[in-house]
Amino acid sequence: MSVDSHSLLAWIVIGLVAGALASRIVEGKGLGCLGDLVVGVAGAIVGGAVMNYLTPGYRYQLLGSIVVAFIGAAILLSVLRLLSGGRPLGRGGFGRRRGLF
């Protein structure tokens, strides 16, 4: 399987858009650029698997891919939130400065 630079760029753009939308809807706030990207790409994999099960062989265009990735990212975030006991998944202190400044 070969991945060209255009499809890699498409995965990154789709991941960012879907992850940002899903994290803001499920979590109420974004998870940061990298967090949104990871959630979106993982959501694209989850959403792709779910949609391939429901509609095998169907190919999605850009907007459909974003919707599928968003659905997968929302499912992923919801499951992670259930597993965390309902706690928010955002940045829980990592990277915060402590002290006077």
N, C-alpha and C. Protein backbone atom coordinates (compact mmCIF):
# COMPACT_ATOMS: atom_id res chain seq x y z
N MET A 1 0.84 -1.18 0.00
CA MET A 1 0.00 0.00 0.00
C MET A 1 0.88 1.23 0.00
N SER A 2 0.66 2.09 -0.95
CA SER A 2 1.46 3.30 -1.11
C SER A 2 0.61 4.52 -0.77
N VAL A 3 1.18 5.42 0.00
CA VAL A 3 0.48 6.65 0.37
C VAL A 3 1.22 7.81 -0.27
N ASP A 4 0.56 8.53 -1.18
CA ASP A 4 1.21 9.69 -1.77
C ASP A 4 0.99 10.91 -0.90
N SER A 5 1.69 11.99 -1.22
CA SER A 5 1.64 13.18 -0.37
C SER A 5 0.26 13.83 -0.37
N HIS A 6 -0.50 13.70 -1.47
CA HIS A 6 -1.84 14.30 -1.52
C HIS A 6 -2.80 13.57 -0.59
N SER A 7 -2.74 12.26 -0.56
CA SER A 7 -3.66 11.54 0.32
C SER A 7 -3.26 11.71 1.78
N LEU A 8 -1.97 11.82 2.06
CA LEU A 8 -1.53 12.08 3.43
C LEU A 8 -2.00 13.45 3.88
N LEU A 9 -1.89 14.44 3.02
CA LEU A 9 -2.37 15.78 3.33
C LEU A 9 -3.88 15.77 3.52
N ALA A 10 -4.59 15.02 2.71
CA ALA A 10 -6.05 14.92 2.86
C ALA A 10 -6.41 14.30 4.20
N TRP A 11 -5.70 13.25 4.62
CA TRP A 11 -5.95 12.63 5.92
C TRP A 11 -5.73 13.63 7.06
N ILE A 12 -4.68 14.45 6.94
CA ILE A 12 -4.39 15.43 7.98
C ILE A 12 -5.49 16.49 8.03
N VAL A 13 -5.91 17.00 6.88
CA VAL A 13 -6.96 18.03 6.85
C VAL A 13 -8.28 17.45 7.36
N ILE A 14 -8.64 16.28 6.88
CA ILE A 14 -9.88 15.64 7.34
C ILE A 14 -9.81 15.36 8.83
N GLY A 15 -8.66 14.88 9.31
CA GLY A 15 -8.49 14.61 10.73
C GLY A 15 -8.62 15.85 11.58
N LEU A 16 -8.01 16.95 11.14
CA LEU A 16 -8.11 18.20 11.90
C LEU A 16 -9.54 18.71 11.96
N VAL A 17 -10.22 18.72 10.82
CA VAL A 17 -11.59 19.23 10.79
C VAL A 17 -12.51 18.35 11.63
N ALA A 18 -12.46 17.04 11.41
CA ALA A 18 -13.34 16.12 12.14
C ALA A 18 -13.02 16.09 13.62
N GLY A 19 -11.74 16.09 13.97
CA GLY A 19 -11.35 16.07 15.38
C GLY A 19 -11.75 17.35 16.10
N ALA A 20 -11.57 18.48 15.43
CA ALA A 20 -11.95 19.75 16.05
C ALA A 20 -13.46 19.82 16.27
N LEU A 21 -14.24 19.41 15.27
CA LEU A 21 -15.70 19.42 15.43
C LEU A 21 -16.15 18.47 16.53
N ALA A 22 -15.63 17.25 16.50
CA ALA A 22 -16.06 16.25 17.48
C ALA A 22 -15.66 16.63 18.90
N SER A 23 -14.44 17.14 19.08
CA SER A 23 -14.00 17.49 20.43
C SER A 23 -14.80 18.67 20.98
N ARG A 24 -15.18 19.58 20.12
CA ARG A 24 -15.98 20.71 20.60
C ARG A 24 -17.42 20.30 20.90
N ILE A 25 -17.95 19.34 20.18
CA ILE A 25 -19.32 18.91 20.44
C ILE A 25 -19.37 17.96 21.63
N VAL A 26 -18.48 16.97 21.68
CA VAL A 26 -18.51 15.98 22.75
C VAL A 26 -17.92 16.53 24.05
N GLU A 27 -16.79 17.24 23.94
CA GLU A 27 -16.09 17.73 25.13
C GLU A 27 -16.46 19.15 25.51
N GLY A 28 -17.00 19.92 24.56
CA GLY A 28 -17.33 21.31 24.84
C GLY A 28 -16.18 22.25 24.58
N LYS A 29 -15.00 21.73 24.27
CA LYS A 29 -13.83 22.54 23.95
C LYS A 29 -12.88 21.69 23.13
N GLY A 30 -11.94 22.34 22.48
CA GLY A 30 -10.97 21.63 21.67
C GLY A 30 -9.92 20.93 22.54
N LEU A 31 -9.22 20.00 21.94
CA LEU A 31 -8.17 19.27 22.65
C LEU A 31 -6.78 19.74 22.22
N GLY A 32 -6.71 20.85 21.54
CA GLY A 32 -5.45 21.33 20.99
C GLY A 32 -5.27 20.80 19.58
N CYS A 33 -4.37 21.41 18.84
CA CYS A 33 -4.20 21.05 17.43
C CYS A 33 -3.79 19.58 17.28
N LEU A 34 -2.80 19.15 18.03
CA LEU A 34 -2.33 17.78 17.93
C LEU A 34 -3.39 16.80 18.44
N GLY A 35 -4.05 17.14 19.54
CA GLY A 35 -5.10 16.27 20.08
C GLY A 35 -6.26 16.12 19.11
N ASP A 36 -6.67 17.24 18.50
CA ASP A 36 -7.75 17.19 17.52
C ASP A 36 -7.35 16.36 16.31
N LEU A 37 -6.09 16.49 15.88
CA LEU A 37 -5.61 15.71 14.74
C LEU A 37 -5.63 14.22 15.04
N VAL A 38 -5.12 13.84 16.21
CA VAL A 38 -5.09 12.42 16.58
C VAL A 38 -6.50 11.86 16.70
N VAL A 39 -7.38 12.61 17.36
CA VAL A 39 -8.77 12.17 17.51
C VAL A 39 -9.45 12.06 16.15
N GLY A 40 -9.19 13.02 15.26
CA GLY A 40 -9.81 13.01 13.94
C GLY A 40 -9.34 11.86 13.07
N VAL A 41 -8.02 11.59 13.06
CA VAL A 41 -7.50 10.49 12.25
C VAL A 41 -7.96 9.15 12.83
N ALA A 42 -7.91 9.01 14.15
CA ALA A 42 -8.41 7.78 14.78
C ALA A 42 -9.91 7.65 14.52
N GLY A 43 -10.63 8.76 14.57
CA GLY A 43 -12.06 8.75 14.27
C GLY A 43 -12.34 8.36 12.83
N ALA A 44 -11.46 8.78 11.92
CA ALA A 44 -11.63 8.39 10.51
C ALA A 44 -11.48 6.88 10.36
N ILE A 45 -10.58 6.29 11.12
CA ILE A 45 -10.40 4.83 11.08
C ILE A 45 -11.62 4.13 11.67
N VAL A 46 -12.07 4.61 12.83
CA VAL A 46 -13.26 4.02 13.47
C VAL A 46 -14.49 4.22 12.59
N GLY A 47 -14.70 5.45 12.12
CA GLY A 47 -15.85 5.74 11.28
C GLY A 47 -15.81 4.97 9.97
N GLY A 48 -14.61 4.83 9.39
CA GLY A 48 -14.47 4.06 8.17
C GLY A 48 -14.82 2.60 8.37
N ALA A 49 -14.41 2.04 9.51
CA ALA A 49 -14.74 0.65 9.81
C ALA A 49 -16.25 0.47 10.00
N VAL A 50 -16.88 1.40 10.72
CA VAL A 50 -18.32 1.32 10.95
C VAL A 50 -19.08 1.46 9.63
N MET A 51 -18.71 2.44 8.82
CA MET A 51 -19.41 2.66 7.56
C MET A 51 -19.13 1.55 6.55
N ASN A 52 -17.94 0.96 6.58
CA ASN A 52 -17.65 -0.17 5.71
C ASN A 52 -18.49 -1.38 6.09
N TYR A 53 -18.79 -1.52 7.38
CA TYR A 53 -19.66 -2.59 7.83
C TYR A 53 -21.10 -2.35 7.37
N LEU A 54 -21.54 -1.08 7.46
CA LEU A 54 -22.92 -0.75 7.10
C LEU A 54 -23.14 -0.66 5.60
N THR A 55 -22.17 -0.09 4.88
CA THR A 55 -22.28 0.08 3.43
C THR A 55 -20.98 -0.37 2.77
N PRO A 56 -20.76 -1.68 2.64
CA PRO A 56 -19.48 -2.16 2.10
C PRO A 56 -19.26 -1.71 0.65
N GLY A 57 -18.03 -1.27 0.38
CA GLY A 57 -17.66 -0.91 -0.97
C GLY A 57 -18.02 0.51 -1.39
N TYR A 58 -18.71 1.26 -0.57
CA TYR A 58 -19.10 2.63 -0.93
C TYR A 58 -17.92 3.57 -0.74
N ARG A 59 -17.70 4.48 -1.67
CA ARG A 59 -16.59 5.44 -1.62
C ARG A 59 -17.15 6.83 -1.32
N TYR A 60 -16.52 7.53 -0.39
CA TYR A 60 -16.96 8.86 0.01
C TYR A 60 -16.05 9.92 -0.58
N GLN A 61 -16.63 11.07 -0.94
CA GLN A 61 -15.86 12.23 -1.39
C GLN A 61 -15.38 12.99 -0.16
N LEU A 62 -14.84 14.18 -0.35
CA LEU A 62 -14.25 14.94 0.75
C LEU A 62 -15.25 15.23 1.87
N LEU A 63 -16.40 15.79 1.54
CA LEU A 63 -17.38 16.13 2.58
C LEU A 63 -17.89 14.87 3.28
N GLY A 64 -18.14 13.82 2.53
CA GLY A 64 -18.56 12.56 3.13
C GLY A 64 -17.49 11.97 4.03
N SER A 65 -16.24 12.13 3.64
CA SER A 65 -15.14 11.63 4.47
C SER A 65 -15.05 12.39 5.78
N ILE A 66 -15.28 13.70 5.72
CA ILE A 66 -15.28 14.50 6.96
C ILE A 66 -16.41 14.07 7.87
N VAL A 67 -17.59 13.82 7.30
CA VAL A 67 -18.74 13.38 8.10
C VAL A 67 -18.47 12.02 8.73
N VAL A 68 -17.92 11.09 7.95
CA VAL A 68 -17.60 9.76 8.46
C VAL A 68 -16.55 9.86 9.57
N ALA A 69 -15.51 10.67 9.36
CA ALA A 69 -14.47 10.85 10.37
C ALA A 69 -15.03 11.51 11.62
N PHE A 70 -15.94 12.47 11.44
CA PHE A 70 -16.58 13.12 12.58
C PHE A 70 -17.39 12.12 13.40
N ILE A 71 -18.16 11.27 12.72
CA ILE A 71 -18.96 10.26 13.42
C ILE A 71 -18.04 9.33 14.20
N GLY A 72 -16.97 8.88 13.56
CA GLY A 72 -16.02 8.00 14.25
C GLY A 72 -15.34 8.69 15.42
N ALA A 73 -14.95 9.96 15.26
CA ALA A 73 -14.31 10.70 16.34
C ALA A 73 -15.27 10.93 17.49
N ALA A 74 -16.53 11.21 17.19
CA ALA A 74 -17.53 11.39 18.26
C ALA A 74 -17.75 10.09 19.01
N ILE A 75 -17.80 8.97 18.29
CA ILE A 75 -17.92 7.66 18.94
C ILE A 75 -16.71 7.40 19.83
N LEU A 76 -15.52 7.65 19.29
CA LEU A 76 -14.28 7.43 20.04
C LEU A 76 -14.23 8.28 21.30
N LEU A 77 -14.54 9.56 21.19
CA LEU A 77 -14.53 10.44 22.36
C LEU A 77 -15.58 10.05 23.38
N SER A 78 -16.75 9.63 22.92
CA SER A 78 -17.80 9.21 23.85
C SER A 78 -17.39 7.96 24.62
N VAL A 79 -16.78 7.01 23.93
CA VAL A 79 -16.32 5.79 24.60
C VAL A 79 -15.21 6.12 25.60
N LEU A 80 -14.26 6.98 25.19
CA LEU A 80 -13.18 7.36 26.11
C LEU A 80 -13.71 8.11 27.32
N ARG A 81 -14.73 8.93 27.10
CA ARG A 81 -15.33 9.67 28.23
C ARG A 81 -16.04 8.71 29.18
N LEU A 82 -16.72 7.70 28.62
CA LEU A 82 -17.36 6.69 29.48
C LEU A 82 -16.32 5.92 30.29
N LEU A 83 -15.22 5.57 29.64
CA LEU A 83 -14.17 4.82 30.33
C LEU A 83 -13.44 5.65 31.38
N SER A 84 -13.44 6.97 31.22
CA SER A 84 -12.77 7.84 32.19
C SER A 84 -13.69 8.23 33.35
N GLY A 85 -14.87 7.65 33.38
CA GLY A 85 -15.80 7.95 34.47
C GLY A 85 -16.51 9.28 34.30
N GLY A 86 -16.62 9.78 33.09
CA GLY A 86 -17.32 11.03 32.84
C GLY A 86 -16.46 12.26 32.99
N ARG A 87 -15.18 12.09 33.33
CA ARG A 87 -14.29 13.25 33.46
C ARG A 87 -13.96 13.79 32.07
N PRO A 88 -13.78 15.10 31.97
CA PRO A 88 -13.37 15.67 30.68
C PRO A 88 -12.02 15.13 30.25
N LEU A 89 -11.81 15.02 28.94
CA LEU A 89 -10.58 14.46 28.41
C LEU A 89 -9.55 15.51 28.07
N GLY A 90 -9.83 16.76 28.31
CA GLY A 90 -8.93 17.86 27.93
C GLY A 90 -7.61 17.80 28.67
N ARG A 91 -6.86 18.85 28.49
CA ARG A 91 -5.53 18.94 29.10
C ARG A 91 -5.65 19.10 30.60
N GLY A 92 -5.50 18.04 31.32
CA GLY A 92 -5.67 18.05 32.76
C GLY A 92 -4.42 18.41 33.52
N GLY A 93 -3.84 19.57 33.23
CA GLY A 93 -2.68 20.01 33.97
C GLY A 93 -1.38 19.80 33.23
N PHE A 94 -1.36 19.00 32.20
CA PHE A 94 -0.13 18.77 31.46
C PHE A 94 0.27 20.04 30.73
N GLY A 95 1.48 20.47 30.95
CA GLY A 95 1.97 21.65 30.26
C GLY A 95 1.61 22.97 30.92
N ARG A 96 0.92 22.93 32.03
CA ARG A 96 0.60 24.17 32.71
C ARG A 96 1.81 24.68 33.46
N ARG A 97 1.97 25.97 33.46
CA ARG A 97 3.07 26.57 34.21
C ARG A 97 2.66 26.70 35.65
N ARG A 98 3.60 26.50 36.49
CA ARG A 98 3.38 26.68 37.92
C ARG A 98 4.33 27.77 38.41
N GLY A 99 3.94 28.50 39.37
CA GLY A 99 4.80 29.54 39.89
C GLY A 99 4.20 30.90 39.69
N LEU A 100 5.06 31.91 39.67
CA LEU A 100 4.60 33.28 39.60
C LEU A 100 4.17 33.70 38.21
N PHE A 101 4.75 33.15 37.18
CA PHE A 101 4.46 33.59 35.83
C PHE A 101 3.49 32.69 35.19
